[in-house]
N, C-alpha and C. Protein backbone atom coordinates (compact mmCIF):
# COMPACT_ATOMS: atom_id res chain seq x y z
N MET A 1 0.83 -1.20 0.00
CA MET A 1 0.00 0.00 0.00
C MET A 1 0.86 1.25 0.00
N VAL A 2 0.35 2.31 -0.64
CA VAL A 2 1.08 3.59 -0.68
C VAL A 2 0.27 4.60 0.10
N CYS A 3 0.93 5.22 1.05
CA CYS A 3 0.21 6.18 1.88
C CYS A 3 -0.17 7.39 1.07
N PRO A 4 -1.22 8.11 1.45
CA PRO A 4 -1.67 9.31 0.69
C PRO A 4 -0.57 10.34 0.52
N GLN A 5 0.27 10.50 1.54
CA GLN A 5 1.32 11.53 1.47
C GLN A 5 2.34 11.18 0.38
N THR A 6 2.71 9.87 0.32
CA THR A 6 3.67 9.44 -0.70
C THR A 6 3.08 9.58 -2.09
N ARG A 7 1.77 9.19 -2.24
CA ARG A 7 1.10 9.31 -3.54
C ARG A 7 1.05 10.77 -3.99
N SER A 8 0.78 11.65 -3.06
CA SER A 8 0.75 13.08 -3.38
C SER A 8 2.10 13.57 -3.85
N MET A 9 3.16 13.08 -3.20
CA MET A 9 4.51 13.49 -3.58
C MET A 9 4.85 13.00 -5.00
N ILE A 10 4.46 11.75 -5.31
CA ILE A 10 4.72 11.20 -6.64
C ILE A 10 4.00 12.00 -7.71
N ILE A 11 2.75 12.36 -7.42
CA ILE A 11 1.97 13.16 -8.37
C ILE A 11 2.62 14.51 -8.61
N LYS A 12 3.09 15.16 -7.54
CA LYS A 12 3.73 16.48 -7.68
C LYS A 12 5.00 16.39 -8.51
N VAL A 13 5.81 15.33 -8.26
CA VAL A 13 7.05 15.16 -9.02
C VAL A 13 6.74 14.93 -10.51
N SER A 14 5.72 14.12 -10.78
CA SER A 14 5.34 13.83 -12.17
C SER A 14 4.87 15.09 -12.88
N VAL A 15 4.04 15.88 -12.21
CA VAL A 15 3.55 17.13 -12.79
C VAL A 15 4.71 18.07 -13.06
N PHE A 16 5.67 18.14 -12.13
CA PHE A 16 6.83 19.02 -12.29
C PHE A 16 7.66 18.60 -13.51
N LEU A 17 7.90 17.28 -13.64
CA LEU A 17 8.68 16.79 -14.77
C LEU A 17 7.96 17.04 -16.09
N LEU A 18 6.65 16.83 -16.11
CA LEU A 18 5.88 17.07 -17.32
C LEU A 18 5.92 18.54 -17.72
N THR A 19 5.76 19.42 -16.72
CA THR A 19 5.81 20.86 -16.98
C THR A 19 7.17 21.27 -17.51
N THR A 20 8.24 20.68 -16.94
CA THR A 20 9.61 20.99 -17.38
C THR A 20 9.82 20.58 -18.83
N LEU A 21 9.33 19.39 -19.19
CA LEU A 21 9.46 18.91 -20.56
C LEU A 21 8.71 19.80 -21.55
N ILE A 22 7.53 20.25 -21.15
CA ILE A 22 6.74 21.14 -22.02
C ILE A 22 7.46 22.46 -22.24
N ILE A 23 8.01 23.03 -21.15
CA ILE A 23 8.73 24.31 -21.25
C ILE A 23 9.96 24.16 -22.14
N LEU A 24 10.70 23.04 -21.97
CA LEU A 24 11.89 22.82 -22.80
C LEU A 24 11.51 22.69 -24.27
N SER A 25 10.39 21.99 -24.55
CA SER A 25 9.94 21.82 -25.93
C SER A 25 9.58 23.16 -26.56
N ILE A 26 8.82 23.98 -25.79
CA ILE A 26 8.41 25.29 -26.30
C ILE A 26 9.64 26.18 -26.53
N THR A 27 10.59 26.13 -25.61
CA THR A 27 11.81 26.95 -25.72
C THR A 27 12.61 26.56 -26.96
N THR A 28 12.71 25.23 -27.21
CA THR A 28 13.45 24.75 -28.38
C THR A 28 12.81 25.25 -29.67
N VAL A 29 11.48 25.19 -29.74
CA VAL A 29 10.77 25.64 -30.94
C VAL A 29 10.97 27.14 -31.14
N VAL A 30 10.86 27.91 -30.05
CA VAL A 30 11.02 29.37 -30.15
C VAL A 30 12.42 29.74 -30.61
N ILE A 31 13.44 29.06 -30.05
CA ILE A 31 14.82 29.34 -30.45
C ILE A 31 15.04 29.00 -31.92
N ALA A 32 14.45 27.87 -32.34
CA ALA A 32 14.62 27.46 -33.74
C ALA A 32 13.97 28.45 -34.70
N GLN A 33 12.86 29.07 -34.26
CA GLN A 33 12.14 30.01 -35.13
C GLN A 33 12.64 31.44 -34.99
N TRP A 34 13.47 31.70 -34.01
CA TRP A 34 13.95 33.07 -33.79
C TRP A 34 14.80 33.51 -34.97
N PRO A 35 14.53 34.66 -35.55
CA PRO A 35 15.29 35.09 -36.72
C PRO A 35 16.76 35.28 -36.40
N LYS A 36 17.61 34.74 -37.28
CA LYS A 36 19.06 34.85 -37.07
C LYS A 36 19.53 36.20 -37.60
N PRO A 37 20.35 36.90 -36.83
CA PRO A 37 20.84 38.21 -37.28
C PRO A 37 21.75 38.08 -38.48
N ALA A 38 21.76 39.12 -39.34
CA ALA A 38 22.64 39.13 -40.50
C ALA A 38 24.08 39.09 -40.03
N ASN A 39 24.89 38.31 -40.72
CA ASN A 39 26.28 38.16 -40.32
C ASN A 39 27.17 38.19 -41.56
N PRO A 40 27.99 39.19 -41.71
CA PRO A 40 28.10 40.38 -40.86
C PRO A 40 27.04 41.41 -41.21
N PRO A 41 26.89 42.43 -40.38
CA PRO A 41 25.90 43.48 -40.68
C PRO A 41 26.36 44.31 -41.87
N PRO A 42 25.46 45.06 -42.49
CA PRO A 42 25.85 45.89 -43.65
C PRO A 42 26.94 46.89 -43.29
N THR A 43 27.84 47.08 -44.24
CA THR A 43 28.86 48.10 -44.09
C THR A 43 28.25 49.47 -44.39
N LEU A 44 29.00 50.53 -44.16
CA LEU A 44 28.51 51.87 -44.49
C LEU A 44 28.27 52.00 -45.99
N GLU A 45 29.14 51.39 -46.79
CA GLU A 45 28.95 51.42 -48.24
C GLU A 45 27.65 50.73 -48.64
N GLU A 46 27.39 49.56 -48.05
CA GLU A 46 26.17 48.83 -48.36
C GLU A 46 24.93 49.58 -47.91
N ASP A 47 24.99 50.18 -46.72
CA ASP A 47 23.87 51.00 -46.24
C ASP A 47 23.57 52.13 -47.22
N ARG A 48 24.62 52.76 -47.70
CA ARG A 48 24.44 53.91 -48.61
C ARG A 48 23.82 53.45 -49.93
N LEU A 49 24.29 52.33 -50.47
CA LEU A 49 23.72 51.82 -51.73
C LEU A 49 22.26 51.44 -51.57
N ILE A 50 21.92 50.82 -50.45
CA ILE A 50 20.53 50.41 -50.22
C ILE A 50 19.63 51.62 -49.98
N ASN A 51 20.07 52.54 -49.13
CA ASN A 51 19.24 53.70 -48.78
C ASN A 51 19.05 54.66 -49.96
N ASN A 52 20.05 54.75 -50.82
CA ASN A 52 19.98 55.68 -51.96
C ASN A 52 19.32 55.06 -53.18
N TYR A 53 19.02 53.78 -53.13
CA TYR A 53 18.49 53.10 -54.30
C TYR A 53 17.19 53.71 -54.84
N PRO A 54 16.21 54.06 -53.99
CA PRO A 54 14.97 54.65 -54.53
C PRO A 54 15.20 55.93 -55.32
N ASN A 55 16.26 56.68 -55.01
CA ASN A 55 16.54 57.95 -55.68
C ASN A 55 17.78 57.86 -56.57
N ARG A 56 18.12 56.66 -57.02
CA ARG A 56 19.37 56.40 -57.73
C ARG A 56 19.55 57.25 -58.98
N ASP A 57 18.46 57.50 -59.73
CA ASP A 57 18.59 58.25 -60.98
C ASP A 57 18.87 59.74 -60.75
N ARG A 58 18.68 60.20 -59.52
CA ARG A 58 18.94 61.61 -59.21
C ARG A 58 20.23 61.80 -58.42
N ILE A 59 20.96 60.70 -58.19
CA ILE A 59 22.20 60.77 -57.41
C ILE A 59 23.39 60.57 -58.35
N PRO A 60 24.25 61.58 -58.48
CA PRO A 60 25.42 61.45 -59.36
C PRO A 60 26.30 60.27 -58.94
N ASN A 61 26.76 59.52 -59.92
CA ASN A 61 27.71 58.43 -59.72
C ASN A 61 27.14 57.25 -58.92
N TYR A 62 25.80 57.18 -58.77
CA TYR A 62 25.26 56.04 -58.01
C TYR A 62 25.59 54.71 -58.70
N TYR A 63 25.35 54.64 -60.01
CA TYR A 63 25.60 53.39 -60.73
C TYR A 63 27.09 53.06 -60.77
N LYS A 64 27.91 54.09 -60.82
CA LYS A 64 29.36 53.87 -60.80
C LYS A 64 29.78 53.25 -59.47
N GLU A 65 29.19 53.73 -58.38
CA GLU A 65 29.52 53.16 -57.07
C GLU A 65 29.02 51.72 -56.96
N LEU A 66 27.84 51.45 -57.52
CA LEU A 66 27.30 50.09 -57.50
C LEU A 66 28.19 49.15 -58.31
N GLN A 67 28.67 49.62 -59.44
CA GLN A 67 29.58 48.82 -60.26
C GLN A 67 30.90 48.59 -59.54
N SER A 68 31.38 49.60 -58.85
CA SER A 68 32.62 49.47 -58.10
C SER A 68 32.48 48.44 -56.99
N TYR A 69 31.30 48.42 -56.35
CA TYR A 69 31.02 47.44 -55.29
C TYR A 69 31.08 46.03 -55.86
N LYS A 70 30.48 45.82 -57.03
CA LYS A 70 30.51 44.50 -57.65
C LYS A 70 31.93 44.13 -58.08
N ARG A 71 32.67 45.10 -58.56
CA ARG A 71 34.05 44.84 -59.00
C ARG A 71 34.92 44.28 -57.88
N GLU A 72 34.68 44.78 -56.65
CA GLU A 72 35.47 44.28 -55.53
C GLU A 72 35.27 42.78 -55.36
N GLY A 73 34.05 42.32 -55.57
CA GLY A 73 33.79 40.89 -55.51
C GLY A 73 34.45 40.15 -56.65
N CYS A 74 34.49 40.77 -57.83
CA CYS A 74 35.13 40.14 -58.98
C CYS A 74 36.64 40.01 -58.77
N LYS A 75 37.22 40.98 -58.11
CA LYS A 75 38.66 40.90 -57.81
C LYS A 75 38.94 39.68 -56.95
N GLU A 76 38.09 39.45 -55.95
CA GLU A 76 38.26 38.30 -55.07
C GLU A 76 37.99 36.99 -55.82
N ALA A 77 36.99 37.02 -56.72
CA ALA A 77 36.62 35.81 -57.44
C ALA A 77 37.70 35.36 -58.42
N LEU A 78 38.35 36.31 -59.09
CA LEU A 78 39.35 35.96 -60.10
C LEU A 78 40.72 35.70 -59.49
N ALA A 79 41.03 36.38 -58.40
CA ALA A 79 42.36 36.22 -57.78
C ALA A 79 42.50 34.83 -57.16
N GLY A 80 43.70 34.30 -57.20
CA GLY A 80 43.97 33.00 -56.59
C GLY A 80 44.67 32.05 -57.55
N GLU A 81 44.72 30.78 -57.17
CA GLU A 81 45.38 29.77 -57.97
C GLU A 81 44.37 29.02 -58.84
N TRP A 82 44.75 28.81 -60.11
CA TRP A 82 43.89 28.12 -61.07
C TRP A 82 44.68 27.00 -61.73
N ARG A 83 44.06 25.81 -61.81
CA ARG A 83 44.73 24.65 -62.43
C ARG A 83 44.10 24.34 -63.78
N ARG A 84 44.94 24.13 -64.75
CA ARG A 84 44.49 23.84 -66.11
C ARG A 84 43.94 22.41 -66.19
N ASP A 85 42.71 22.28 -66.64
CA ASP A 85 42.07 20.96 -66.71
C ASP A 85 42.83 20.03 -67.65
N GLY A 86 43.09 18.82 -67.17
CA GLY A 86 43.72 17.80 -68.00
C GLY A 86 45.21 17.96 -68.20
N LYS A 87 45.79 19.06 -67.77
CA LYS A 87 47.21 19.31 -67.96
C LYS A 87 47.96 19.43 -66.63
N GLY A 88 47.33 20.12 -65.68
CA GLY A 88 47.95 20.25 -64.36
C GLY A 88 48.70 21.54 -64.13
N ASP A 89 48.92 22.34 -65.20
CA ASP A 89 49.61 23.63 -65.00
C ASP A 89 48.81 24.50 -64.03
N ILE A 90 49.51 25.24 -63.20
CA ILE A 90 48.85 26.13 -62.25
C ILE A 90 49.30 27.56 -62.51
N ILE A 91 48.32 28.46 -62.63
CA ILE A 91 48.62 29.89 -62.75
C ILE A 91 48.05 30.60 -61.51
N THR A 92 48.72 31.65 -61.11
CA THR A 92 48.27 32.45 -59.97
C THR A 92 47.92 33.84 -60.47
N ILE A 93 46.70 34.27 -60.16
CA ILE A 93 46.20 35.58 -60.61
C ILE A 93 46.14 36.54 -59.43
N THR A 94 46.69 37.71 -59.60
CA THR A 94 46.64 38.77 -58.60
C THR A 94 46.12 40.05 -59.24
N TYR A 95 45.68 40.98 -58.40
CA TYR A 95 45.17 42.26 -58.91
C TYR A 95 46.10 43.38 -58.50
N ASP A 96 46.49 44.20 -59.46
CA ASP A 96 47.34 45.36 -59.21
C ASP A 96 46.44 46.58 -59.01
N GLU A 97 46.29 47.02 -57.77
CA GLU A 97 45.40 48.15 -57.47
C GLU A 97 45.88 49.44 -58.12
N GLY A 98 47.17 49.61 -58.21
CA GLY A 98 47.70 50.84 -58.77
C GLY A 98 47.45 50.97 -60.26
N LYS A 99 47.65 49.89 -61.00
CA LYS A 99 47.50 49.93 -62.45
C LYS A 99 46.15 49.42 -62.94
N LYS A 100 45.34 48.90 -62.00
CA LYS A 100 43.97 48.51 -62.31
C LYS A 100 43.87 47.36 -63.32
N PHE A 101 44.71 46.36 -63.18
CA PHE A 101 44.56 45.17 -64.01
C PHE A 101 45.02 43.93 -63.25
N PHE A 102 44.65 42.77 -63.80
CA PHE A 102 45.01 41.48 -63.21
C PHE A 102 46.26 40.94 -63.89
N LEU A 103 47.11 40.31 -63.10
CA LEU A 103 48.32 39.67 -63.62
C LEU A 103 48.20 38.16 -63.40
N GLY A 104 48.52 37.40 -64.44
CA GLY A 104 48.50 35.95 -64.32
C GLY A 104 49.91 35.39 -64.53
N LYS A 105 50.43 34.72 -63.53
CA LYS A 105 51.78 34.15 -63.61
C LYS A 105 51.74 32.63 -63.52
N VAL A 106 52.64 31.99 -64.25
CA VAL A 106 52.76 30.53 -64.19
C VAL A 106 53.52 30.18 -62.92
N THR A 107 52.87 29.47 -62.01
CA THR A 107 53.54 29.10 -60.76
C THR A 107 53.93 27.63 -60.72
N ARG A 108 53.25 26.78 -61.52
CA ARG A 108 53.67 25.38 -61.63
C ARG A 108 53.48 24.92 -63.07
N PRO A 109 54.51 25.06 -63.89
CA PRO A 109 54.40 24.61 -65.28
C PRO A 109 54.46 23.08 -65.37
N VAL A 110 53.58 22.52 -66.17
CA VAL A 110 53.59 21.08 -66.45
C VAL A 110 53.71 20.88 -67.95
N LYS A 111 52.70 21.32 -68.68
CA LYS A 111 52.74 21.26 -70.14
C LYS A 111 53.19 22.60 -70.73
N LEU A 112 52.99 23.68 -69.99
CA LEU A 112 53.43 24.99 -70.46
C LEU A 112 54.95 25.08 -70.38
N ALA A 113 55.54 25.53 -71.47
CA ALA A 113 57.01 25.59 -71.55
C ALA A 113 57.54 26.92 -71.00
N TYR A 114 57.21 27.19 -69.76
CA TYR A 114 57.67 28.42 -69.12
C TYR A 114 58.28 28.10 -67.77
N ASN A 115 59.15 28.96 -67.33
CA ASN A 115 59.71 28.83 -66.00
C ASN A 115 58.73 29.36 -64.97
N PRO A 116 58.76 28.86 -63.74
CA PRO A 116 57.89 29.41 -62.68
C PRO A 116 58.12 30.91 -62.52
N GLY A 117 57.03 31.65 -62.44
CA GLY A 117 57.12 33.10 -62.31
C GLY A 117 56.93 33.83 -63.62
N HIS A 118 56.82 33.10 -64.73
CA HIS A 118 56.63 33.75 -66.04
C HIS A 118 55.30 34.50 -66.06
N LEU A 119 55.32 35.77 -66.48
CA LEU A 119 54.10 36.56 -66.62
C LEU A 119 53.38 36.11 -67.88
N LEU A 120 52.27 35.40 -67.70
CA LEU A 120 51.54 34.82 -68.83
C LEU A 120 50.56 35.80 -69.46
N PHE A 121 49.91 36.63 -68.62
CA PHE A 121 48.93 37.56 -69.19
C PHE A 121 48.66 38.73 -68.26
N ARG A 122 48.02 39.71 -68.86
CA ARG A 122 47.53 40.88 -68.14
C ARG A 122 46.15 41.20 -68.69
N VAL A 123 45.13 41.28 -67.82
CA VAL A 123 43.77 41.56 -68.28
C VAL A 123 43.12 42.58 -67.35
N SER A 124 42.06 43.19 -67.86
CA SER A 124 41.25 44.11 -67.06
C SER A 124 39.78 43.81 -67.35
N PHE A 125 38.89 44.49 -66.66
CA PHE A 125 37.46 44.27 -66.86
C PHE A 125 37.06 44.62 -68.29
N ALA A 126 36.26 43.75 -68.91
CA ALA A 126 35.76 44.03 -70.25
C ALA A 126 34.78 45.20 -70.18
N ASP A 127 34.92 46.19 -71.06
CA ASP A 127 34.14 47.42 -71.01
C ASP A 127 32.64 47.17 -70.99
N TYR A 128 32.16 46.32 -71.89
CA TYR A 128 30.71 46.16 -72.01
C TYR A 128 30.14 45.28 -70.90
N ASN A 129 30.98 44.75 -70.03
CA ASN A 129 30.49 43.88 -68.96
C ASN A 129 30.53 44.58 -67.61
N GLU A 130 30.63 45.90 -67.61
CA GLU A 130 30.75 46.62 -66.35
C GLU A 130 29.40 46.95 -65.73
N GLY A 131 28.30 46.63 -66.43
CA GLY A 131 26.98 46.90 -65.88
C GLY A 131 26.63 45.95 -64.75
N VAL A 132 25.58 46.26 -64.04
CA VAL A 132 25.09 45.40 -62.97
C VAL A 132 23.62 45.08 -63.23
N GLN A 133 23.18 43.94 -62.74
CA GLN A 133 21.79 43.52 -62.91
C GLN A 133 20.95 44.11 -61.78
N LEU A 134 20.02 44.99 -62.12
CA LEU A 134 19.19 45.63 -61.11
C LEU A 134 18.03 44.72 -60.71
N PRO A 135 17.53 44.84 -59.49
CA PRO A 135 16.39 44.01 -59.06
C PRO A 135 15.19 44.23 -59.97
N GLY A 136 14.61 43.14 -60.46
CA GLY A 136 13.42 43.24 -61.30
C GLY A 136 13.70 43.62 -62.73
N ASN A 137 14.95 43.73 -63.10
CA ASN A 137 15.32 44.13 -64.46
C ASN A 137 16.16 43.02 -65.07
N ASN A 138 15.69 42.43 -66.17
CA ASN A 138 16.37 41.29 -66.76
C ASN A 138 17.53 41.66 -67.66
N LYS A 139 17.76 42.95 -67.82
CA LYS A 139 18.85 43.37 -68.69
C LYS A 139 19.84 44.22 -67.90
N PRO A 140 21.15 43.92 -68.02
CA PRO A 140 22.14 44.70 -67.27
C PRO A 140 22.13 46.16 -67.69
N VAL A 141 22.48 47.01 -66.75
CA VAL A 141 22.62 48.43 -67.04
C VAL A 141 24.09 48.70 -67.31
N SER A 142 24.39 49.16 -68.50
CA SER A 142 25.77 49.44 -68.90
C SER A 142 26.00 50.95 -68.92
N PRO A 143 27.22 51.39 -68.66
CA PRO A 143 27.52 52.84 -68.73
C PRO A 143 27.22 53.43 -70.10
N ASN A 144 27.21 52.57 -71.15
CA ASN A 144 26.99 53.06 -72.50
C ASN A 144 25.55 52.94 -72.97
N GLU A 145 24.64 52.51 -72.07
CA GLU A 145 23.24 52.33 -72.44
C GLU A 145 22.36 53.23 -71.57
N PRO A 146 21.14 53.55 -72.07
CA PRO A 146 20.21 54.32 -71.23
C PRO A 146 19.92 53.60 -69.94
N LEU A 147 19.77 54.34 -68.86
CA LEU A 147 19.58 53.73 -67.55
C LEU A 147 18.18 53.18 -67.37
N ARG A 148 17.18 53.77 -68.02
CA ARG A 148 15.79 53.34 -67.82
C ARG A 148 15.37 52.40 -68.95
N LEU A 149 15.90 51.20 -68.94
CA LEU A 149 15.54 50.22 -69.97
C LEU A 149 14.22 49.56 -69.63
N VAL A 150 14.12 49.04 -68.40
CA VAL A 150 12.90 48.44 -67.88
C VAL A 150 12.75 48.94 -66.45
N PRO A 151 11.55 49.39 -66.06
CA PRO A 151 11.39 49.89 -64.69
C PRO A 151 11.78 48.82 -63.67
N PRO A 152 12.86 49.02 -62.91
CA PRO A 152 13.29 48.02 -61.93
C PRO A 152 12.46 48.08 -60.66
N ALA A 153 12.68 47.12 -59.78
CA ALA A 153 11.99 47.12 -58.49
C ALA A 153 12.35 48.38 -57.72
N GLN A 154 11.47 48.77 -56.81
CA GLN A 154 11.67 50.02 -56.09
C GLN A 154 12.43 49.84 -54.77
N TYR A 155 12.96 48.66 -54.56
CA TYR A 155 13.69 48.43 -53.32
C TYR A 155 14.92 47.55 -53.59
N MET A 156 15.83 47.55 -52.66
CA MET A 156 17.02 46.72 -52.72
C MET A 156 17.29 46.22 -51.31
N ASP A 157 17.61 44.93 -51.16
CA ASP A 157 17.94 44.42 -49.84
C ASP A 157 19.38 43.92 -49.82
N ILE A 158 19.88 43.66 -48.62
CA ILE A 158 21.29 43.29 -48.45
C ILE A 158 21.59 41.96 -49.12
N ASN A 159 20.62 41.03 -49.13
CA ASN A 159 20.88 39.73 -49.74
C ASN A 159 21.11 39.85 -51.24
N TRP A 160 20.23 40.65 -51.91
CA TRP A 160 20.42 40.85 -53.35
C TRP A 160 21.74 41.54 -53.63
N LEU A 161 22.06 42.55 -52.82
CA LEU A 161 23.27 43.33 -53.04
C LEU A 161 24.51 42.43 -52.94
N ARG A 162 24.54 41.59 -51.92
CA ARG A 162 25.71 40.72 -51.73
C ARG A 162 25.78 39.61 -52.77
N GLN A 163 24.67 39.25 -53.36
CA GLN A 163 24.71 38.29 -54.46
C GLN A 163 25.45 38.87 -55.66
N GLN A 164 25.27 40.20 -55.88
CA GLN A 164 25.98 40.85 -56.98
C GLN A 164 27.49 40.83 -56.72
N ARG A 165 27.86 40.99 -55.48
CA ARG A 165 29.28 41.03 -55.12
C ARG A 165 29.95 39.66 -55.30
N GLN A 166 29.17 38.59 -55.28
CA GLN A 166 29.75 37.26 -55.47
C GLN A 166 30.38 37.10 -56.85
N CYS A 167 29.92 37.92 -57.80
CA CYS A 167 30.52 37.94 -59.15
C CYS A 167 30.59 36.53 -59.73
N ARG A 168 29.46 35.91 -59.90
CA ARG A 168 29.41 34.54 -60.39
C ARG A 168 29.78 34.45 -61.88
N ILE A 169 29.50 35.52 -62.63
CA ILE A 169 29.83 35.53 -64.06
C ILE A 169 30.47 36.87 -64.41
N ALA A 170 31.60 36.84 -65.09
CA ALA A 170 32.27 38.08 -65.49
C ALA A 170 33.22 37.78 -66.65
N GLN A 171 33.59 38.84 -67.37
CA GLN A 171 34.49 38.70 -68.51
C GLN A 171 35.62 39.71 -68.40
N PHE A 172 36.80 39.29 -68.85
CA PHE A 172 37.99 40.12 -68.76
C PHE A 172 38.76 40.03 -70.08
N LYS A 173 39.35 41.14 -70.46
CA LYS A 173 40.05 41.21 -71.73
C LYS A 173 41.45 41.76 -71.52
N GLY A 174 42.42 41.21 -72.28
CA GLY A 174 43.78 41.70 -72.14
C GLY A 174 44.73 41.07 -73.13
N THR A 175 45.95 40.80 -72.67
CA THR A 175 47.01 40.33 -73.54
C THR A 175 47.72 39.13 -72.93
N GLU A 176 47.95 38.12 -73.76
CA GLU A 176 48.78 36.98 -73.34
C GLU A 176 50.20 37.21 -73.83
N TYR A 177 51.17 36.96 -72.94
CA TYR A 177 52.59 37.12 -73.28
C TYR A 177 53.20 35.73 -73.45
N SER A 178 53.55 35.41 -74.69
CA SER A 178 54.06 34.09 -75.00
C SER A 178 55.32 34.23 -75.86
N TYR A 179 55.78 33.08 -76.36
CA TYR A 179 56.87 33.13 -77.34
C TYR A 179 56.81 31.86 -78.18
N ASN A 180 57.31 31.99 -79.39
CA ASN A 180 57.32 30.88 -80.32
C ASN A 180 58.30 29.81 -79.85
N GLN A 181 57.85 28.56 -79.77
CA GLN A 181 58.69 27.50 -79.24
C GLN A 181 59.91 27.23 -80.13
N THR A 182 59.76 27.52 -81.43
CA THR A 182 60.86 27.24 -82.36
C THR A 182 61.84 28.41 -82.43
N THR A 183 61.30 29.60 -82.68
CA THR A 183 62.17 30.78 -82.86
C THR A 183 62.50 31.47 -81.56
N LYS A 184 61.72 31.16 -80.49
CA LYS A 184 61.89 31.80 -79.17
C LYS A 184 61.55 33.29 -79.22
N LYS A 185 60.84 33.69 -80.28
CA LYS A 185 60.46 35.09 -80.41
C LYS A 185 59.23 35.38 -79.54
N LYS A 186 59.28 36.48 -78.81
CA LYS A 186 58.17 36.84 -77.93
C LYS A 186 56.97 37.30 -78.76
N THR A 187 55.80 36.93 -78.30
CA THR A 187 54.57 37.32 -78.99
C THR A 187 53.56 37.87 -77.97
N GLU A 188 52.67 38.71 -78.47
CA GLU A 188 51.58 39.23 -77.65
C GLU A 188 50.27 38.96 -78.39
N THR A 189 49.35 38.28 -77.71
CA THR A 189 48.10 37.86 -78.32
C THR A 189 46.92 38.35 -77.51
N GLU A 190 45.83 38.74 -78.19
CA GLU A 190 44.62 39.15 -77.50
C GLU A 190 44.05 37.98 -76.70
N LEU A 191 43.66 38.25 -75.46
CA LEU A 191 43.19 37.21 -74.55
C LEU A 191 41.86 37.60 -73.92
N TRP A 192 40.96 36.60 -73.83
CA TRP A 192 39.70 36.79 -73.11
C TRP A 192 39.61 35.73 -72.01
N LEU A 193 39.18 36.15 -70.83
CA LEU A 193 38.91 35.24 -69.73
C LEU A 193 37.43 35.31 -69.40
N MET A 194 36.76 34.16 -69.37
CA MET A 194 35.34 34.08 -69.05
C MET A 194 35.17 33.37 -67.71
N LEU A 195 34.78 34.11 -66.69
CA LEU A 195 34.63 33.55 -65.35
C LEU A 195 33.20 33.09 -65.11
N SER A 196 33.06 31.87 -64.58
CA SER A 196 31.76 31.33 -64.22
C SER A 196 31.94 30.50 -62.95
N ASP A 197 31.61 31.11 -61.80
CA ASP A 197 31.83 30.49 -60.49
C ASP A 197 33.31 30.12 -60.34
N ASP A 198 33.61 28.83 -60.16
CA ASP A 198 35.00 28.42 -59.96
C ASP A 198 35.63 27.88 -61.25
N ARG A 199 35.03 28.23 -62.40
CA ARG A 199 35.54 27.81 -63.70
C ARG A 199 35.99 29.03 -64.49
N LEU A 200 37.05 28.84 -65.28
CA LEU A 200 37.60 29.95 -66.05
C LEU A 200 37.93 29.45 -67.46
N GLU A 201 37.31 30.11 -68.46
CA GLU A 201 37.63 29.82 -69.85
C GLU A 201 38.73 30.77 -70.31
N TYR A 202 39.76 30.19 -70.89
CA TYR A 202 40.94 30.94 -71.33
C TYR A 202 40.96 30.88 -72.86
N LYS A 203 40.82 32.06 -73.53
CA LYS A 203 40.67 32.06 -74.98
C LYS A 203 41.64 33.04 -75.65
N VAL A 204 42.44 32.49 -76.56
CA VAL A 204 43.26 33.32 -77.46
C VAL A 204 42.84 32.95 -78.88
N GLU A 205 43.49 33.55 -79.86
CA GLU A 205 43.04 33.41 -81.25
C GLU A 205 43.00 31.96 -81.73
N LYS A 206 44.03 31.18 -81.45
CA LYS A 206 44.13 29.83 -82.01
C LYS A 206 43.95 28.72 -80.97
N GLN A 207 43.87 29.07 -79.70
CA GLN A 207 43.80 28.05 -78.66
C GLN A 207 42.85 28.48 -77.55
N SER A 208 42.43 27.49 -76.77
CA SER A 208 41.61 27.77 -75.60
C SER A 208 41.87 26.69 -74.55
N ALA A 209 41.48 26.99 -73.31
CA ALA A 209 41.67 26.03 -72.23
C ALA A 209 40.68 26.34 -71.12
N ASN A 210 40.43 25.34 -70.30
CA ASN A 210 39.59 25.52 -69.10
C ASN A 210 40.46 25.40 -67.87
N PHE A 211 40.16 26.24 -66.88
CA PHE A 211 40.85 26.20 -65.60
C PHE A 211 39.85 26.07 -64.48
N THR A 212 40.26 25.40 -63.41
CA THR A 212 39.43 25.26 -62.21
C THR A 212 40.15 25.91 -61.03
N LYS A 213 39.40 26.68 -60.24
CA LYS A 213 40.04 27.38 -59.13
C LYS A 213 40.33 26.41 -57.98
N LEU A 214 41.52 26.55 -57.41
CA LEU A 214 41.91 25.74 -56.28
C LEU A 214 41.46 26.40 -54.99
N GLN A 215 40.91 25.63 -54.07
CA GLN A 215 40.43 26.17 -52.80
C GLN A 215 41.57 26.29 -51.79
């Protein structure tokens, strides 16, 4: 037999445990649904681009600043080590802030007949690719085109803005520095680089190659 006092104590303990489990369950759900803060928060530059967006057509150099913001992401996207598919050659791309162009050097030659450190190319942003894709507008805005092509959305948020900075697709134009394998005469050839995420198409007049970015 269980005395009334003991039964009462068991009931109180059970109720306490049940209440504790309910509170823990509710707390877990609330924490899971609590909005996560942006990380990191917007910079002053990002705040200015977002806040000025509704009046962009009346603000001098607004589009130029937006393009500059995207370019910073493109510098990060193109810079680094790239390995030639199927060959193994590695080139390292850096950006020269003073002269405003990218330098590509051979750092591990395999099939390329160059010594490590050979300056393979110099490129800069392709002129017609300097536009940015505005929210709600399917056509890029270029410095050489009218700004009001299609009425864009009337707002801009930090997520959209930072997606532009990722620079998933971009094009660069410049010069490849090579030499004839037989005569050893130096040559300069027009070069195009087509960036798509972690892939890079390398195109000169008579040859092309694909490169993959090393992490």
